[in-house]
Amino acid sequence: MYKFPDLAFCLGEYRLLDARTGLLAYLADHFKDSKNTSVLVFFDGKKDQTSDCYSEDIGGLSIHYSHDKKADELIIGYLSFTPMPSQCLVVTSDKEILNFARRLRVRRKTSEEFYAEFVSKVNLEDESEFINLKEGLTTRQENDYWERQFLR
């Protein structure tokens, strides 16, 4: 979450729930076109102070809370027991998890790489939307013609 400036700001203000919700929204949007892809998100601690929730599905994401453990333990446990680790992609900047994933031949991406890819995809979508809008605009000559026709 610290790689996304707005989420890091939330964390700096002790707004953990807002930061988590923001990350989940970004992930849901990023993976919306990925068919047959399961996205698992592991958070340290509880969902909130009073919650006994260990896992939930929100917007196509499978969210897991570590409660008294570290999320790292849950990630390593999941990778240890998954039938085909080479089909997984781990996004983290934690060196221990990256090294463990490398030993299992899990595909890896650092949080920095994921954020750069995310920003690139968003910029590409914005540019594509701008081009579509631009194509709908008429040329100056065409505007002049229609102005002459209707403003006589």
N, C-alpha and C. Protein backbone atom coordinates (compact mmCIF):
# COMPACT_ATOMS: atom_id res chain seq x y z
N MET A 1 0.82 -1.20 0.00
CA MET A 1 0.00 0.00 0.00
C MET A 1 0.86 1.26 0.00
N TYR A 2 2.09 1.13 0.50
CA TYR A 2 2.95 2.31 0.57
C TYR A 2 3.41 2.79 -0.80
N LYS A 3 3.30 1.98 -1.83
CA LYS A 3 3.74 2.38 -3.17
C LYS A 3 2.74 3.30 -3.85
N PHE A 4 1.48 3.24 -3.43
CA PHE A 4 0.45 4.13 -3.96
C PHE A 4 0.42 5.38 -3.08
N PRO A 5 0.75 6.55 -3.63
CA PRO A 5 0.86 7.75 -2.79
C PRO A 5 -0.40 8.06 -1.97
N ASP A 6 -1.58 7.92 -2.57
CA ASP A 6 -2.80 8.23 -1.82
C ASP A 6 -3.04 7.24 -0.69
N LEU A 7 -2.67 5.98 -0.90
CA LEU A 7 -2.84 4.97 0.14
C LEU A 7 -1.80 5.17 1.24
N ALA A 8 -0.59 5.55 0.86
CA ALA A 8 0.45 5.85 1.85
C ALA A 8 0.02 7.03 2.72
N PHE A 9 -0.65 8.01 2.11
CA PHE A 9 -1.16 9.15 2.86
C PHE A 9 -2.18 8.69 3.90
N CYS A 10 -3.08 7.79 3.49
CA CYS A 10 -4.07 7.25 4.43
C CYS A 10 -3.38 6.54 5.59
N LEU A 11 -2.37 5.75 5.27
CA LEU A 11 -1.65 5.04 6.32
C LEU A 11 -0.95 6.01 7.26
N GLY A 12 -0.42 7.08 6.70
CA GLY A 12 0.25 8.10 7.52
C GLY A 12 -0.70 8.78 8.48
N GLU A 13 -1.97 8.81 8.12
CA GLU A 13 -2.99 9.41 8.98
C GLU A 13 -3.74 8.35 9.80
N TYR A 14 -3.21 7.15 9.85
CA TYR A 14 -3.78 6.05 10.63
C TYR A 14 -5.19 5.68 10.17
N ARG A 15 -5.41 5.77 8.86
CA ARG A 15 -6.69 5.39 8.27
C ARG A 15 -6.49 4.08 7.51
N LEU A 16 -6.25 3.02 8.26
CA LEU A 16 -5.94 1.71 7.69
C LEU A 16 -7.09 1.18 6.84
N LEU A 17 -8.31 1.33 7.32
CA LEU A 17 -9.46 0.82 6.57
C LEU A 17 -9.58 1.51 5.21
N ASP A 18 -9.36 2.82 5.18
CA ASP A 18 -9.41 3.55 3.91
C ASP A 18 -8.31 3.07 2.96
N ALA A 19 -7.12 2.84 3.50
CA ALA A 19 -6.00 2.37 2.67
C ALA A 19 -6.30 0.98 2.11
N ARG A 20 -6.82 0.10 2.94
CA ARG A 20 -7.16 -1.25 2.48
C ARG A 20 -8.24 -1.21 1.41
N THR A 21 -9.28 -0.42 1.66
CA THR A 21 -10.38 -0.30 0.70
C THR A 21 -9.88 0.25 -0.63
N GLY A 22 -9.00 1.24 -0.56
CA GLY A 22 -8.42 1.81 -1.78
C GLY A 22 -7.60 0.79 -2.55
N LEU A 23 -6.78 0.02 -1.84
CA LEU A 23 -5.98 -1.01 -2.50
C LEU A 23 -6.87 -2.04 -3.17
N LEU A 24 -7.91 -2.47 -2.48
CA LEU A 24 -8.83 -3.46 -3.06
C LEU A 24 -9.51 -2.92 -4.32
N ALA A 25 -9.87 -1.63 -4.29
CA ALA A 25 -10.48 -1.02 -5.47
C ALA A 25 -9.50 -0.99 -6.64
N TYR A 26 -8.24 -0.62 -6.36
CA TYR A 26 -7.22 -0.61 -7.41
C TYR A 26 -7.02 -2.01 -7.99
N LEU A 27 -6.93 -3.00 -7.11
CA LEU A 27 -6.70 -4.38 -7.58
C LEU A 27 -7.88 -4.89 -8.39
N ALA A 28 -9.10 -4.63 -7.92
CA ALA A 28 -10.29 -5.07 -8.65
C ALA A 28 -10.31 -4.45 -10.05
N ASP A 29 -9.96 -3.18 -10.14
CA ASP A 29 -9.93 -2.51 -11.44
C ASP A 29 -8.81 -3.06 -12.32
N HIS A 30 -7.65 -3.29 -11.73
CA HIS A 30 -6.49 -3.75 -12.49
C HIS A 30 -6.72 -5.15 -13.06
N PHE A 31 -7.38 -6.01 -12.30
CA PHE A 31 -7.56 -7.40 -12.73
C PHE A 31 -8.95 -7.68 -13.30
N LYS A 32 -9.73 -6.64 -13.59
CA LYS A 32 -11.11 -6.84 -14.05
C LYS A 32 -11.20 -7.60 -15.37
N ASP A 33 -10.21 -7.47 -16.23
CA ASP A 33 -10.24 -8.13 -17.53
C ASP A 33 -9.53 -9.49 -17.53
N SER A 34 -8.98 -9.87 -16.39
CA SER A 34 -8.24 -11.14 -16.29
C SER A 34 -9.21 -12.27 -16.01
N LYS A 35 -9.45 -13.07 -17.04
CA LYS A 35 -10.36 -14.20 -16.88
C LYS A 35 -9.60 -15.38 -16.28
N ASN A 36 -10.32 -16.20 -15.55
CA ASN A 36 -9.75 -17.39 -14.92
C ASN A 36 -8.56 -17.06 -14.02
N THR A 37 -8.60 -15.89 -13.41
CA THR A 37 -7.53 -15.47 -12.51
C THR A 37 -8.11 -15.27 -11.12
N SER A 38 -7.49 -15.90 -10.14
CA SER A 38 -7.88 -15.69 -8.76
C SER A 38 -6.89 -14.72 -8.14
N VAL A 39 -7.40 -13.70 -7.49
CA VAL A 39 -6.54 -12.72 -6.83
C VAL A 39 -6.75 -12.87 -5.33
N LEU A 40 -5.69 -13.23 -4.64
CA LEU A 40 -5.72 -13.37 -3.20
C LEU A 40 -4.95 -12.21 -2.59
N VAL A 41 -5.54 -11.57 -1.59
CA VAL A 41 -4.92 -10.44 -0.92
C VAL A 41 -4.78 -10.81 0.55
N PHE A 42 -3.58 -10.64 1.08
CA PHE A 42 -3.31 -10.98 2.47
C PHE A 42 -2.99 -9.70 3.25
N PHE A 43 -3.74 -9.47 4.33
CA PHE A 43 -3.51 -8.31 5.19
C PHE A 43 -3.05 -8.76 6.56
N ASP A 44 -2.13 -8.01 7.14
CA ASP A 44 -1.74 -8.23 8.53
C ASP A 44 -2.89 -7.83 9.44
N GLY A 45 -3.07 -8.58 10.52
CA GLY A 45 -4.04 -8.22 11.54
C GLY A 45 -5.46 -8.61 11.19
N LYS A 46 -6.38 -7.96 11.91
CA LYS A 46 -7.80 -8.24 11.75
C LYS A 46 -8.42 -7.27 10.75
N LYS A 47 -9.62 -7.61 10.30
CA LYS A 47 -10.36 -6.71 9.41
C LYS A 47 -10.61 -5.39 10.14
N ASP A 48 -11.06 -5.48 11.36
CA ASP A 48 -11.18 -4.32 12.25
C ASP A 48 -11.04 -4.82 13.68
N GLN A 49 -11.07 -3.92 14.64
CA GLN A 49 -10.78 -4.27 16.04
C GLN A 49 -11.65 -5.38 16.59
N THR A 50 -12.92 -5.41 16.20
CA THR A 50 -13.86 -6.37 16.80
C THR A 50 -14.18 -7.55 15.89
N SER A 51 -13.63 -7.60 14.71
CA SER A 51 -14.01 -8.62 13.73
C SER A 51 -13.32 -9.96 13.99
N ASP A 52 -14.09 -11.03 13.76
CA ASP A 52 -13.54 -12.39 13.81
C ASP A 52 -13.39 -12.96 12.40
N CYS A 53 -13.53 -12.12 11.38
CA CYS A 53 -13.46 -12.53 9.99
C CYS A 53 -12.02 -12.88 9.61
N TYR A 54 -11.82 -14.10 9.08
CA TYR A 54 -10.50 -14.51 8.62
C TYR A 54 -10.37 -14.39 7.11
N SER A 55 -11.47 -14.57 6.39
CA SER A 55 -11.45 -14.52 4.93
C SER A 55 -12.80 -14.02 4.43
N GLU A 56 -12.76 -13.34 3.28
CA GLU A 56 -13.99 -12.90 2.63
C GLU A 56 -13.70 -12.66 1.17
N ASP A 57 -14.76 -12.67 0.38
CA ASP A 57 -14.66 -12.36 -1.05
C ASP A 57 -15.36 -11.04 -1.30
N ILE A 58 -14.62 -10.12 -1.92
CA ILE A 58 -15.18 -8.81 -2.24
C ILE A 58 -14.79 -8.47 -3.68
N GLY A 59 -15.77 -8.23 -4.51
CA GLY A 59 -15.51 -7.80 -5.89
C GLY A 59 -14.57 -8.70 -6.66
N GLY A 60 -14.69 -10.00 -6.49
CA GLY A 60 -13.85 -10.93 -7.22
C GLY A 60 -12.47 -11.15 -6.60
N LEU A 61 -12.23 -10.53 -5.44
CA LEU A 61 -10.95 -10.70 -4.74
C LEU A 61 -11.18 -11.56 -3.51
N SER A 62 -10.24 -12.40 -3.21
CA SER A 62 -10.28 -13.23 -2.01
C SER A 62 -9.35 -12.59 -0.98
N ILE A 63 -9.93 -12.05 0.09
CA ILE A 63 -9.17 -11.31 1.09
C ILE A 63 -8.99 -12.17 2.33
N HIS A 64 -7.76 -12.17 2.85
CA HIS A 64 -7.42 -12.98 4.02
C HIS A 64 -6.75 -12.10 5.06
N TYR A 65 -7.17 -12.26 6.31
CA TYR A 65 -6.62 -11.48 7.42
C TYR A 65 -5.83 -12.41 8.34
N SER A 66 -4.66 -11.97 8.75
CA SER A 66 -3.76 -12.85 9.50
C SER A 66 -4.06 -12.92 10.99
N HIS A 67 -4.82 -12.00 11.53
CA HIS A 67 -5.14 -11.90 12.95
C HIS A 67 -3.84 -11.81 13.76
N ASP A 68 -3.52 -12.83 14.56
CA ASP A 68 -2.34 -12.77 15.44
C ASP A 68 -1.05 -13.16 14.73
N LYS A 69 -1.13 -13.69 13.54
CA LYS A 69 0.05 -14.07 12.76
C LYS A 69 0.47 -12.91 11.87
N LYS A 70 1.58 -13.09 11.17
CA LYS A 70 1.98 -12.14 10.14
C LYS A 70 1.40 -12.63 8.81
N ALA A 71 1.04 -11.70 7.96
CA ALA A 71 0.51 -12.06 6.64
C ALA A 71 1.56 -12.86 5.87
N ASP A 72 2.83 -12.59 6.12
CA ASP A 72 3.91 -13.33 5.46
C ASP A 72 3.75 -14.83 5.66
N GLU A 73 3.37 -15.23 6.88
CA GLU A 73 3.18 -16.65 7.18
C GLU A 73 2.05 -17.23 6.33
N LEU A 74 0.98 -16.49 6.16
CA LEU A 74 -0.14 -16.97 5.35
C LEU A 74 0.26 -17.11 3.89
N ILE A 75 1.02 -16.15 3.39
CA ILE A 75 1.47 -16.19 2.00
C ILE A 75 2.37 -17.40 1.77
N ILE A 76 3.34 -17.58 2.65
CA ILE A 76 4.26 -18.72 2.52
C ILE A 76 3.49 -20.04 2.64
N GLY A 77 2.52 -20.09 3.57
CA GLY A 77 1.69 -21.29 3.71
C GLY A 77 0.89 -21.57 2.46
N TYR A 78 0.30 -20.55 1.88
CA TYR A 78 -0.48 -20.73 0.65
C TYR A 78 0.41 -21.25 -0.47
N LEU A 79 1.58 -20.63 -0.64
CA LEU A 79 2.49 -21.05 -1.71
C LEU A 79 2.99 -22.47 -1.48
N SER A 80 3.18 -22.85 -0.23
CA SER A 80 3.67 -24.19 0.09
C SER A 80 2.68 -25.28 -0.31
N PHE A 81 1.39 -24.96 -0.19
CA PHE A 81 0.37 -25.99 -0.41
C PHE A 81 -0.36 -25.86 -1.73
N THR A 82 -0.06 -24.84 -2.51
CA THR A 82 -0.73 -24.72 -3.80
C THR A 82 -0.20 -25.81 -4.74
N PRO A 83 -1.09 -26.46 -5.49
CA PRO A 83 -0.65 -27.59 -6.33
C PRO A 83 0.31 -27.19 -7.46
N MET A 84 0.16 -26.00 -8.01
CA MET A 84 1.03 -25.57 -9.11
C MET A 84 1.57 -24.17 -8.83
N PRO A 85 2.62 -24.07 -8.03
CA PRO A 85 3.14 -22.75 -7.67
C PRO A 85 3.59 -21.94 -8.88
N SER A 86 3.99 -22.59 -9.96
CA SER A 86 4.45 -21.86 -11.14
C SER A 86 3.32 -21.09 -11.81
N GLN A 87 2.07 -21.40 -11.45
CA GLN A 87 0.92 -20.69 -11.99
C GLN A 87 0.59 -19.43 -11.18
N CYS A 88 1.31 -19.21 -10.09
CA CYS A 88 1.05 -18.09 -9.19
C CYS A 88 1.97 -16.90 -9.52
N LEU A 89 1.51 -15.74 -9.15
CA LEU A 89 2.29 -14.52 -9.21
C LEU A 89 2.22 -13.89 -7.83
N VAL A 90 3.37 -13.63 -7.25
CA VAL A 90 3.43 -12.97 -5.94
C VAL A 90 3.89 -11.54 -6.14
N VAL A 91 3.15 -10.61 -5.56
CA VAL A 91 3.53 -9.20 -5.61
C VAL A 91 3.87 -8.78 -4.19
N THR A 92 5.14 -8.49 -3.96
CA THR A 92 5.61 -8.07 -2.64
C THR A 92 7.00 -7.47 -2.77
N SER A 93 7.37 -6.71 -1.78
CA SER A 93 8.75 -6.22 -1.73
C SER A 93 9.51 -6.89 -0.59
N ASP A 94 8.85 -7.83 0.08
CA ASP A 94 9.47 -8.56 1.18
C ASP A 94 10.47 -9.57 0.62
N LYS A 95 11.72 -9.41 0.98
CA LYS A 95 12.78 -10.27 0.42
C LYS A 95 12.62 -11.73 0.81
N GLU A 96 12.17 -12.00 2.02
CA GLU A 96 11.98 -13.38 2.46
C GLU A 96 10.94 -14.08 1.59
N ILE A 97 9.83 -13.41 1.33
CA ILE A 97 8.78 -14.01 0.49
C ILE A 97 9.26 -14.15 -0.95
N LEU A 98 9.96 -13.15 -1.46
CA LEU A 98 10.48 -13.23 -2.83
C LEU A 98 11.45 -14.40 -2.99
N ASN A 99 12.33 -14.58 -2.01
CA ASN A 99 13.28 -15.70 -2.06
C ASN A 99 12.57 -17.05 -1.96
N PHE A 100 11.58 -17.14 -1.08
CA PHE A 100 10.81 -18.38 -0.94
C PHE A 100 10.09 -18.69 -2.25
N ALA A 101 9.46 -17.66 -2.83
CA ALA A 101 8.74 -17.84 -4.10
C ALA A 101 9.69 -18.26 -5.21
N ARG A 102 10.89 -17.69 -5.23
CA ARG A 102 11.87 -18.04 -6.26
C ARG A 102 12.23 -19.52 -6.16
N ARG A 103 12.41 -20.01 -4.94
CA ARG A 103 12.75 -21.43 -4.75
C ARG A 103 11.64 -22.36 -5.26
N LEU A 104 10.39 -21.90 -5.16
CA LEU A 104 9.26 -22.71 -5.65
C LEU A 104 8.94 -22.46 -7.12
N ARG A 105 9.72 -21.57 -7.75
CA ARG A 105 9.51 -21.17 -9.15
C ARG A 105 8.19 -20.44 -9.37
N VAL A 106 7.81 -19.68 -8.35
CA VAL A 106 6.63 -18.82 -8.45
C VAL A 106 7.06 -17.55 -9.17
N ARG A 107 6.21 -17.07 -10.06
CA ARG A 107 6.50 -15.79 -10.71
C ARG A 107 6.44 -14.69 -9.66
N ARG A 108 7.35 -13.72 -9.77
CA ARG A 108 7.46 -12.69 -8.76
C ARG A 108 7.46 -11.31 -9.40
N LYS A 109 6.93 -10.36 -8.64
CA LYS A 109 6.96 -8.97 -9.05
C LYS A 109 7.07 -8.14 -7.78
N THR A 110 7.98 -7.19 -7.78
CA THR A 110 8.08 -6.34 -6.60
C THR A 110 6.90 -5.36 -6.59
N SER A 111 6.64 -4.82 -5.43
CA SER A 111 5.56 -3.83 -5.31
C SER A 111 5.83 -2.63 -6.20
N GLU A 112 7.09 -2.25 -6.31
CA GLU A 112 7.47 -1.12 -7.17
C GLU A 112 7.17 -1.42 -8.63
N GLU A 113 7.49 -2.63 -9.07
CA GLU A 113 7.21 -3.03 -10.45
C GLU A 113 5.72 -3.07 -10.72
N PHE A 114 4.96 -3.59 -9.75
CA PHE A 114 3.51 -3.65 -9.91
C PHE A 114 2.93 -2.25 -9.99
N TYR A 115 3.39 -1.35 -9.13
CA TYR A 115 2.87 0.03 -9.16
C TYR A 115 3.19 0.70 -10.49
N ALA A 116 4.41 0.50 -11.00
CA ALA A 116 4.79 1.10 -12.29
C ALA A 116 3.90 0.54 -13.41
N GLU A 117 3.62 -0.76 -13.38
CA GLU A 117 2.74 -1.38 -14.38
C GLU A 117 1.32 -0.83 -14.24
N PHE A 118 0.87 -0.68 -13.01
CA PHE A 118 -0.47 -0.14 -12.75
C PHE A 118 -0.61 1.27 -13.31
N VAL A 119 0.37 2.13 -13.01
CA VAL A 119 0.34 3.51 -13.48
C VAL A 119 0.39 3.55 -15.01
N SER A 120 1.22 2.71 -15.61
CA SER A 120 1.33 2.65 -17.06
C SER A 120 -0.02 2.27 -17.69
N LYS A 121 -0.70 1.29 -17.11
CA LYS A 121 -1.99 0.84 -17.63
C LYS A 121 -3.03 1.95 -17.51
N VAL A 122 -3.04 2.64 -16.37
CA VAL A 122 -3.99 3.75 -16.17
C VAL A 122 -3.72 4.86 -17.18
N ASN A 123 -2.45 5.20 -17.37
CA ASN A 123 -2.09 6.25 -18.34
C ASN A 123 -2.49 5.86 -19.75
N LEU A 124 -2.29 4.60 -20.11
CA LEU A 124 -2.68 4.11 -21.44
C LEU A 124 -4.19 4.20 -21.63
N GLU A 125 -4.96 3.83 -20.60
CA GLU A 125 -6.42 3.93 -20.68
C GLU A 125 -6.86 5.38 -20.82
N ASP A 126 -6.21 6.28 -20.05
CA ASP A 126 -6.55 7.71 -20.14
C ASP A 126 -6.24 8.25 -21.53
N GLU A 127 -5.09 7.86 -22.08
CA GLU A 127 -4.69 8.32 -23.40
C GLU A 127 -5.66 7.80 -24.46
N SER A 128 -6.06 6.55 -24.32
CA SER A 128 -7.00 5.95 -25.27
C SER A 128 -8.34 6.68 -25.21
N GLU A 129 -8.79 7.00 -24.01
CA GLU A 129 -10.05 7.73 -23.85
C GLU A 129 -9.95 9.11 -24.48
N PHE A 130 -8.82 9.78 -24.30
CA PHE A 130 -8.61 11.10 -24.89
C PHE A 130 -8.62 11.03 -26.41
N ILE A 131 -7.98 10.01 -26.97
CA ILE A 131 -7.96 9.85 -28.43
C ILE A 131 -9.38 9.63 -28.96
N ASN A 132 -10.16 8.82 -28.23
CA ASN A 132 -11.54 8.59 -28.66
C ASN A 132 -12.35 9.89 -28.63
N LEU A 133 -12.14 10.69 -27.61
CA LEU A 133 -12.83 11.98 -27.55
C LEU A 133 -12.37 12.90 -28.67
N LYS A 134 -11.06 12.89 -28.90
CA LYS A 134 -10.49 13.75 -29.93
C LYS A 134 -11.01 13.39 -31.32
N GLU A 135 -11.18 12.11 -31.58
CA GLU A 135 -11.68 11.67 -32.88
C GLU A 135 -13.10 12.16 -33.13
N GLY A 136 -13.85 12.39 -32.06
CA GLY A 136 -15.22 12.87 -32.20
C GLY A 136 -15.29 14.36 -32.50
N LEU A 137 -14.19 15.07 -32.37
CA LEU A 137 -14.18 16.50 -32.63
C LEU A 137 -14.08 16.77 -34.12
N THR A 138 -14.68 17.86 -34.53
CA THR A 138 -14.64 18.22 -35.95
C THR A 138 -13.44 19.12 -36.22
N THR A 139 -13.03 19.15 -37.47
CA THR A 139 -11.90 20.00 -37.85
C THR A 139 -12.34 21.46 -37.88
N ARG A 140 -11.38 22.35 -37.87
CA ARG A 140 -11.65 23.79 -37.91
C ARG A 140 -12.39 24.18 -39.20
N GLN A 141 -11.99 23.58 -40.33
CA GLN A 141 -12.65 23.90 -41.61
C GLN A 141 -14.11 23.49 -41.57
N GLU A 142 -14.40 22.34 -40.99
CA GLU A 142 -15.78 21.87 -40.92
C GLU A 142 -16.60 22.78 -40.01
N ASN A 143 -16.02 23.22 -38.90
CA ASN A 143 -16.70 24.16 -38.01
C ASN A 143 -17.03 25.46 -38.74
N ASP A 144 -16.06 25.97 -39.48
CA ASP A 144 -16.27 27.21 -40.22
C ASP A 144 -17.41 27.06 -41.23
N TYR A 145 -17.45 25.94 -41.94
CA TYR A 145 -18.50 25.69 -42.91
C TYR A 145 -19.88 25.73 -42.24
N TRP A 146 -20.03 24.99 -41.13
CA TRP A 146 -21.33 24.91 -40.47
C TRP A 146 -21.71 26.25 -39.82
N GLU A 147 -20.73 26.99 -39.35
CA GLU A 147 -21.03 28.32 -38.81
C GLU A 147 -21.58 29.22 -39.92
N ARG A 148 -20.97 29.15 -41.08
CA ARG A 148 -21.45 29.96 -42.21
C ARG A 148 -22.87 29.55 -42.61
N GLN A 149 -23.18 28.26 -42.54
CA GLN A 149 -24.49 27.77 -42.93
C GLN A 149 -25.59 28.22 -41.96
N PHE A 150 -25.30 28.19 -40.68
CA PHE A 150 -26.34 28.45 -39.68
C PHE A 150 -26.32 29.85 -39.10
N LEU A 151 -25.25 30.55 -39.26
CA LEU A 151 -25.16 31.88 -38.65
C LEU A 151 -25.23 33.00 -39.69
N ARG A 152 -25.93 32.80 -40.76
CA ARG A 152 -26.07 33.82 -41.81
C ARG A 152 -27.01 34.90 -41.39
